[in-house]
Amino acid sequence: MEIISVNEENKNDVAEFLKEVSLIGDINEEALMNGEFVYDKQIIGTLSFEEFNDNALIRYFIFRQSITDDLIMELFEKIVNKAKKKAVKHLIAIVVKKEARIIFKHIGFYEIENNDVYIDEVNLNDTKFKNAVVLKYDIA
Protein backbone atom coordinates (compact mmCIF):
# COMPACT_ATOMS: atom_id res chain seq x y z
CA MET A 1 0.00 0.00 0.00
CA GLU A 2 1.18 3.49 -0.77
CA ILE A 3 0.04 6.97 0.18
CA ILE A 4 -0.41 9.40 -2.71
CA SER A 5 -1.22 13.13 -2.73
CA VAL A 6 -4.37 14.15 -4.54
CA ASN A 7 -3.44 16.17 -7.65
CA GLU A 8 -4.97 17.28 -10.94
CA GLU A 9 -4.19 13.94 -12.57
CA ASN A 10 -5.90 11.74 -9.97
CA LYS A 11 -8.56 14.00 -8.39
CA ASN A 12 -11.38 12.59 -10.54
CA ASP A 13 -10.50 9.03 -9.45
CA VAL A 14 -10.61 10.11 -5.79
CA ALA A 15 -13.93 11.91 -6.33
CA GLU A 16 -15.39 8.77 -7.92
CA PHE A 17 -14.15 6.71 -4.96
CA LEU A 18 -15.89 9.10 -2.54
CA LYS A 19 -19.16 8.86 -4.46
CA GLU A 20 -18.88 5.08 -4.66
CA VAL A 21 -18.26 4.34 -0.98
CA SER A 22 -20.19 7.13 0.76
CA LEU A 23 -23.36 9.14 0.65
CA ILE A 24 -21.52 12.31 -0.38
CA GLY A 25 -23.33 14.17 -3.13
CA ASP A 26 -21.28 17.27 -3.85
CA ILE A 27 -17.52 16.91 -3.54
CA ASN A 28 -15.72 19.96 -2.17
CA GLU A 29 -12.81 20.40 -4.60
CA GLU A 30 -10.68 22.47 -2.21
CA ALA A 31 -10.95 19.77 0.45
CA LEU A 32 -10.34 17.07 -2.14
CA MET A 33 -7.13 18.75 -3.32
CA ASN A 34 -5.91 19.01 0.30
CA GLY A 35 -6.06 15.24 0.55
CA GLU A 36 -3.96 12.13 0.53
CA PHE A 37 -5.17 8.68 -0.39
CA VAL A 38 -4.15 5.10 0.25
CA TYR A 39 -3.70 3.01 -2.87
CA ASP A 40 -3.30 -0.74 -3.32
CA LYS A 41 -4.41 -1.67 -6.88
CA GLN A 42 -7.39 0.59 -6.13
CA ILE A 43 -8.13 3.50 -3.83
CA ILE A 44 -8.56 2.11 -0.32
CA GLY A 45 -9.35 5.37 1.45
CA THR A 46 -8.73 9.08 1.73
CA LEU A 47 -8.13 11.79 4.31
CA SER A 48 -8.41 15.51 3.52
CA PHE A 49 -9.19 18.91 5.00
CA GLU A 50 -10.81 22.22 4.15
CA GLU A 51 -9.14 25.46 5.28
CA PHE A 52 -10.84 28.16 7.34
CA ASN A 53 -8.23 30.84 8.11
CA ASP A 54 -5.71 29.18 10.44
CA ASN A 55 -8.06 26.26 11.16
CA ALA A 56 -8.92 23.33 8.95
CA LEU A 57 -11.86 20.95 9.07
CA ILE A 58 -11.29 17.28 8.34
CA ARG A 59 -13.70 16.73 5.45
CA TYR A 60 -13.10 13.26 4.09
CA PHE A 61 -11.86 10.39 6.27
CA ILE A 62 -13.35 7.48 4.37
CA PHE A 63 -12.07 3.95 3.83
CA ARG A 64 -13.45 0.89 2.08
CA GLN A 65 -11.44 -1.47 4.31
CA SER A 66 -9.42 -1.39 7.51
CA ILE A 67 -5.82 -0.21 7.43
CA THR A 68 -3.07 -0.58 10.03
CA ASP A 69 -2.47 1.95 12.79
CA ASP A 70 0.98 2.63 11.30
CA LEU A 71 -0.57 3.50 7.94
CA ILE A 72 -3.14 5.78 9.61
CA MET A 73 -0.31 7.57 11.43
CA GLU A 74 1.72 7.95 8.22
CA LEU A 75 -1.33 9.26 6.38
CA PHE A 76 -2.09 11.73 9.17
CA GLU A 77 1.53 12.96 9.25
CA LYS A 78 1.28 13.75 5.54
CA ILE A 79 -1.94 15.70 6.15
CA VAL A 80 -0.34 17.62 9.04
CA ASN A 81 2.65 18.52 6.83
CA LYS A 82 0.33 19.67 4.06
CA ALA A 83 -1.64 21.77 6.58
CA LYS A 84 1.56 23.30 8.01
CA LYS A 85 2.59 24.46 4.55
CA LYS A 86 -0.73 26.32 4.36
CA ALA A 87 -0.17 27.94 7.80
CA VAL A 88 -2.97 25.91 9.42
CA LYS A 89 -2.59 25.83 13.21
CA HIS A 90 -5.47 23.52 14.19
CA LEU A 91 -7.29 20.61 12.64
CA ILE A 92 -10.92 20.13 13.66
CA ALA A 93 -12.91 16.92 13.27
CA ILE A 94 -16.67 16.65 13.75
CA VAL A 95 -17.20 13.00 14.61
CA VAL A 96 -20.40 11.01 14.90
CA LYS A 97 -19.15 7.42 14.97
CA LYS A 98 -17.51 6.07 18.12
CA GLU A 99 -14.93 4.13 16.07
CA ALA A 100 -13.76 7.33 14.36
CA ARG A 101 -13.60 9.14 17.71
CA ILE A 102 -11.27 6.44 19.04
CA ILE A 103 -9.00 6.74 15.98
CA PHE A 104 -8.81 10.55 16.17
CA LYS A 105 -8.04 10.47 19.90
CA HIS A 106 -5.31 7.87 19.27
CA ILE A 107 -3.77 10.24 16.71
CA GLY A 108 -3.71 13.07 19.26
CA PHE A 109 -7.00 14.94 18.88
CA TYR A 110 -8.81 16.08 22.03
CA GLU A 111 -12.44 17.02 22.70
CA ILE A 112 -13.54 20.64 22.67
CA GLU A 113 -16.87 22.33 23.36
CA ASN A 114 -19.14 22.28 20.33
CA ASN A 115 -20.89 25.52 21.37
CA ASP A 116 -18.27 27.56 19.50
CA VAL A 117 -18.38 25.51 16.30
CA TYR A 118 -20.36 26.73 13.29
CA ILE A 119 -21.18 25.16 9.94
CA ASP A 120 -22.16 27.70 7.29
CA GLU A 121 -22.68 30.26 10.06
CA VAL A 122 -25.10 27.97 11.94
CA ASN A 123 -24.15 26.73 15.41
CA LEU A 124 -23.36 23.03 15.39
CA ASN A 125 -26.03 22.43 18.04
CA ASP A 126 -28.64 23.64 15.54
CA THR A 127 -27.60 21.20 12.80
CA LYS A 128 -27.92 17.49 12.14
CA PHE A 129 -24.51 17.17 13.85
CA LYS A 130 -25.80 18.34 17.24
CA ASN A 131 -24.91 14.94 18.77
CA ALA A 132 -21.45 14.85 17.24
CA VAL A 133 -18.24 15.23 19.19
CA VAL A 134 -15.86 18.00 18.13
CA LEU A 135 -12.19 17.11 18.28
CA LYS A 136 -9.16 19.36 17.84
CA TYR A 137 -5.51 18.74 16.96
CA ASP A 138 -2.91 21.47 17.54
CA ILE A 139 -0.23 21.65 14.87
CA ALA A 140 3.14 22.53 16.37
C-alpha atoms as a PDB file:
ATOM      1  CA  MET A   1       0.000   0.000   0.000  1.00  0.00           C
ATOM      2  CA  GLU A   2       1.181   3.490  -0.772  1.00  0.00           C
ATOM      3  CA  ILE A   3       0.044   6.972   0.177  1.00  0.00           C
ATOM      4  CA  ILE A   4      -0.410   9.399  -2.710  1.00  0.00           C
ATOM      5  CA  SER A   5      -1.224  13.129  -2.728  1.00  0.00           C
ATOM      6  CA  VAL A   6      -4.373  14.153  -4.540  1.00  0.00           C
ATOM      7  CA  ASN A   7      -3.445  16.166  -7.647  1.00  0.00           C
ATOM      8  CA  GLU A   8      -4.970  17.284 -10.941  1.00  0.00           C
ATOM      9  CA  GLU A   9      -4.195  13.941 -12.565  1.00  0.00           C
ATOM     10  CA  ASN A  10      -5.902  11.735  -9.970  1.00  0.00           C
ATOM     11  CA  LYS A  11      -8.561  13.999  -8.387  1.00  0.00           C
ATOM     12  CA  ASN A  12     -11.378  12.588 -10.544  1.00  0.00           C
ATOM     13  CA  ASP A  13     -10.503   9.035  -9.445  1.00  0.00           C
ATOM     14  CA  VAL A  14     -10.612  10.110  -5.794  1.00  0.00           C
ATOM     15  CA  ALA A  15     -13.934  11.913  -6.326  1.00  0.00           C
ATOM     16  CA  GLU A  16     -15.391   8.765  -7.918  1.00  0.00           C
ATOM     17  CA  PHE A  17     -14.145   6.712  -4.957  1.00  0.00           C
ATOM     18  CA  LEU A  18     -15.887   9.099  -2.540  1.00  0.00           C
ATOM     19  CA  LYS A  19     -19.160   8.864  -4.460  1.00  0.00           C
ATOM     20  CA  GLU A  20     -18.879   5.082  -4.659  1.00  0.00           C
ATOM     21  CA  VAL A  21     -18.264   4.337  -0.975  1.00  0.00           C
ATOM     22  CA  SER A  22     -20.185   7.131   0.764  1.00  0.00           C
ATOM     23  CA  LEU A  23     -23.357   9.143   0.647  1.00  0.00           C
ATOM     24  CA  ILE A  24     -21.524  12.312  -0.382  1.00  0.00           C
ATOM     25  CA  GLY A  25     -23.330  14.171  -3.135  1.00  0.00           C
ATOM     26  CA  ASP A  26     -21.284  17.272  -3.848  1.00  0.00           C
ATOM     27  CA  ILE A  27     -17.522  16.908  -3.542  1.00  0.00           C
ATOM     28  CA  ASN A  28     -15.719  19.958  -2.169  1.00  0.00           C
ATOM     29  CA  GLU A  29     -12.814  20.403  -4.597  1.00  0.00           C
ATOM     30  CA  GLU A  30     -10.685  22.474  -2.208  1.00  0.00           C
ATOM     31  CA  ALA A  31     -10.952  19.773   0.447  1.00  0.00           C
ATOM     32  CA  LEU A  32     -10.338  17.069  -2.137  1.00  0.00           C
ATOM     33  CA  MET A  33      -7.126  18.753  -3.325  1.00  0.00           C
ATOM     34  CA  ASN A  34      -5.907  19.007   0.303  1.00  0.00           C
ATOM     35  CA  GLY A  35      -6.059  15.236   0.550  1.00  0.00           C
ATOM     36  CA  GLU A  36      -3.958  12.135   0.532  1.00  0.00           C
ATOM     37  CA  PHE A  37      -5.174   8.677  -0.385  1.00  0.00           C
ATOM     38  CA  VAL A  38      -4.152   5.095   0.255  1.00  0.00           C
ATOM     39  CA  TYR A  39      -3.698   3.015  -2.873  1.00  0.00           C
ATOM     40  CA  ASP A  40      -3.302  -0.743  -3.323  1.00  0.00           C
ATOM     41  CA  LYS A  41      -4.410  -1.670  -6.881  1.00  0.00           C
ATOM     42  CA  GLN A  42      -7.391   0.588  -6.129  1.00  0.00           C
ATOM     43  CA  ILE A  43      -8.126   3.502  -3.831  1.00  0.00           C
ATOM     44  CA  ILE A  44      -8.559   2.106  -0.317  1.00  0.00           C
ATOM     45  CA  GLY A  45      -9.352   5.368   1.445  1.00  0.00           C
ATOM     46  CA  THR A  46      -8.726   9.076   1.729  1.00  0.00           C
ATOM     47  CA  LEU A  47      -8.132  11.794   4.308  1.00  0.00           C
ATOM     48  CA  SER A  48      -8.405  15.509   3.522  1.00  0.00           C
ATOM     49  CA  PHE A  49      -9.188  18.909   5.000  1.00  0.00           C
ATOM     50  CA  GLU A  50     -10.810  22.224   4.154  1.00  0.00           C
ATOM     51  CA  GLU A  51      -9.140  25.461   5.280  1.00  0.00           C
ATOM     52  CA  PHE A  52     -10.845  28.163   7.336  1.00  0.00           C
ATOM     53  CA  ASN A  53      -8.227  30.842   8.112  1.00  0.00           C
ATOM     54  CA  ASP A  54      -5.709  29.180  10.443  1.00  0.00           C
ATOM     55  CA  ASN A  55      -8.059  26.256  11.162  1.00  0.00           C
ATOM     56  CA  ALA A  56      -8.918  23.327   8.947  1.00  0.00           C
ATOM     57  CA  LEU A  57     -11.861  20.946   9.074  1.00  0.00           C
ATOM     58  CA  ILE A  58     -11.290  17.280   8.340  1.00  0.00           C
ATOM     59  CA  ARG A  59     -13.696  16.729   5.449  1.00  0.00           C
ATOM     60  CA  TYR A  60     -13.102  13.257   4.086  1.00  0.00           C
ATOM     61  CA  PHE A  61     -11.862  10.390   6.274  1.00  0.00           C
ATOM     62  CA  ILE A  62     -13.351   7.481   4.371  1.00  0.00           C
ATOM     63  CA  PHE A  63     -12.070   3.947   3.834  1.00  0.00           C
ATOM     64  CA  ARG A  64     -13.449   0.888   2.082  1.00  0.00           C
ATOM     65  CA  GLN A  65     -11.441  -1.470   4.307  1.00  0.00           C
ATOM     66  CA  SER A  66      -9.419  -1.389   7.508  1.00  0.00           C
ATOM     67  CA  ILE A  67      -5.823  -0.211   7.426  1.00  0.00           C
ATOM     68  CA  THR A  68      -3.069  -0.580  10.032  1.00  0.00           C
ATOM     69  CA  ASP A  69      -2.468   1.951  12.794  1.00  0.00           C
ATOM     70  CA  ASP A  70       0.977   2.634  11.301  1.00  0.00           C
ATOM     71  CA  LEU A  71      -0.570   3.501   7.940  1.00  0.00           C
ATOM     72  CA  ILE A  72      -3.137   5.779   9.605  1.00  0.00           C
ATOM     73  CA  MET A  73      -0.315   7.574  11.431  1.00  0.00           C
ATOM     74  CA  GLU A  74       1.724   7.951   8.222  1.00  0.00           C
ATOM     75  CA  LEU A  75      -1.332   9.264   6.376  1.00  0.00           C
ATOM     76  CA  PHE A  76      -2.089  11.727   9.172  1.00  0.00           C
ATOM     77  CA  GLU A  77       1.535  12.957   9.252  1.00  0.00           C
ATOM     78  CA  LYS A  78       1.282  13.753   5.536  1.00  0.00           C
ATOM     79  CA  ILE A  79      -1.937  15.702   6.145  1.00  0.00           C
ATOM     80  CA  VAL A  80      -0.339  17.624   9.037  1.00  0.00           C
ATOM     81  CA  ASN A  81       2.650  18.520   6.833  1.00  0.00           C
ATOM     82  CA  LYS A  82       0.327  19.673   4.057  1.00  0.00           C
ATOM     83  CA  ALA A  83      -1.638  21.774   6.575  1.00  0.00           C
ATOM     84  CA  LYS A  84       1.564  23.297   8.010  1.00  0.00           C
ATOM     85  CA  LYS A  85       2.592  24.465   4.546  1.00  0.00           C
ATOM     86  CA  LYS A  86      -0.728  26.320   4.364  1.00  0.00           C
ATOM     87  CA  ALA A  87      -0.174  27.936   7.801  1.00  0.00           C
ATOM     88  CA  VAL A  88      -2.969  25.914   9.424  1.00  0.00           C
ATOM     89  CA  LYS A  89      -2.593  25.830  13.214  1.00  0.00           C
ATOM     90  CA  HIS A  90      -5.467  23.525  14.193  1.00  0.00           C
ATOM     91  CA  LEU A  91      -7.288  20.606  12.642  1.00  0.00           C
ATOM     92  CA  ILE A  92     -10.920  20.130  13.660  1.00  0.00           C
ATOM     93  CA  ALA A  93     -12.908  16.916  13.267  1.00  0.00           C
ATOM     94  CA  ILE A  94     -16.668  16.645  13.752  1.00  0.00           C
ATOM     95  CA  VAL A  95     -17.196  13.003  14.608  1.00  0.00           C
ATOM     96  CA  VAL A  96     -20.403  11.012  14.902  1.00  0.00           C
ATOM     97  CA  LYS A  97     -19.153   7.416  14.972  1.00  0.00           C
ATOM     98  CA  LYS A  98     -17.508   6.072  18.122  1.00  0.00           C
ATOM     99  CA  GLU A  99     -14.932   4.133  16.071  1.00  0.00           C
ATOM    100  CA  ALA A 100     -13.755   7.331  14.361  1.00  0.00           C
ATOM    101  CA  ARG A 101     -13.603   9.144  17.708  1.00  0.00           C
ATOM    102  CA  ILE A 102     -11.267   6.444  19.035  1.00  0.00           C
ATOM    103  CA  ILE A 103      -9.005   6.737  15.980  1.00  0.00           C
ATOM    104  CA  PHE A 104      -8.809  10.545  16.171  1.00  0.00           C
ATOM    105  CA  LYS A 105      -8.040  10.468  19.900  1.00  0.00           C
ATOM    106  CA  HIS A 106      -5.313   7.869  19.268  1.00  0.00           C
ATOM    107  CA  ILE A 107      -3.766  10.239  16.711  1.00  0.00           C
ATOM    108  CA  GLY A 108      -3.709  13.067  19.260  1.00  0.00           C
ATOM    109  CA  PHE A 109      -7.001  14.939  18.877  1.00  0.00           C
ATOM    110  CA  TYR A 110      -8.810  16.081  22.026  1.00  0.00           C
ATOM    111  CA  GLU A 111     -12.442  17.016  22.700  1.00  0.00           C
ATOM    112  CA  ILE A 112     -13.537  20.639  22.673  1.00  0.00           C
ATOM    113  CA  GLU A 113     -16.870  22.332  23.359  1.00  0.00           C
ATOM    114  CA  ASN A 114     -19.143  22.277  20.332  1.00  0.00           C
ATOM    115  CA  ASN A 115     -20.892  25.517  21.366  1.00  0.00           C
ATOM    116  CA  ASP A 116     -18.272  27.562  19.496  1.00  0.00           C
ATOM    117  CA  VAL A 117     -18.382  25.507  16.300  1.00  0.00           C
ATOM    118  CA  TYR A 118     -20.358  26.734  13.295  1.00  0.00           C
ATOM    119  CA  ILE A 119     -21.177  25.159   9.944  1.00  0.00           C
ATOM    120  CA  ASP A 120     -22.159  27.698   7.286  1.00  0.00           C
ATOM    121  CA  GLU A 121     -22.684  30.263  10.063  1.00  0.00           C
ATOM    122  CA  VAL A 122     -25.099  27.969  11.940  1.00  0.00           C
ATOM    123  CA  ASN A 123     -24.149  26.730  15.407  1.00  0.00           C
ATOM    124  CA  LEU A 124     -23.357  23.029  15.388  1.00  0.00           C
ATOM    125  CA  ASN A 125     -26.029  22.433  18.039  1.00  0.00           C
ATOM    126  CA  ASP A 126     -28.637  23.644  15.538  1.00  0.00           C
ATOM    127  CA  THR A 127     -27.600  21.205  12.798  1.00  0.00           C
ATOM    128  CA  LYS A 128     -27.923  17.489  12.143  1.00  0.00           C
ATOM    129  CA  PHE A 129     -24.512  17.166  13.854  1.00  0.00           C
ATOM    130  CA  LYS A 130     -25.801  18.336  17.244  1.00  0.00           C
ATOM    131  CA  ASN A 131     -24.912  14.940  18.772  1.00  0.00           C
ATOM    132  CA  ALA A 132     -21.448  14.851  17.243  1.00  0.00           C
ATOM    133  CA  VAL A 133     -18.237  15.226  19.190  1.00  0.00           C
ATOM    134  CA  VAL A 134     -15.860  18.000  18.125  1.00  0.00           C
ATOM    135  CA  LEU A 135     -12.186  17.108  18.281  1.00  0.00           C
ATOM    136  CA  LYS A 136      -9.157  19.356  17.838  1.00  0.00           C
ATOM    137  CA  TYR A 137      -5.514  18.740  16.964  1.00  0.00           C
ATOM    138  CA  ASP A 138      -2.914  21.469  17.539  1.00  0.00           C
ATOM    139  CA  ILE A 139      -0.234  21.655  14.869  1.00  0.00           C
ATOM    140  CA  ALA A 140       3.140  22.531  16.370  1.00  0.00           C
END
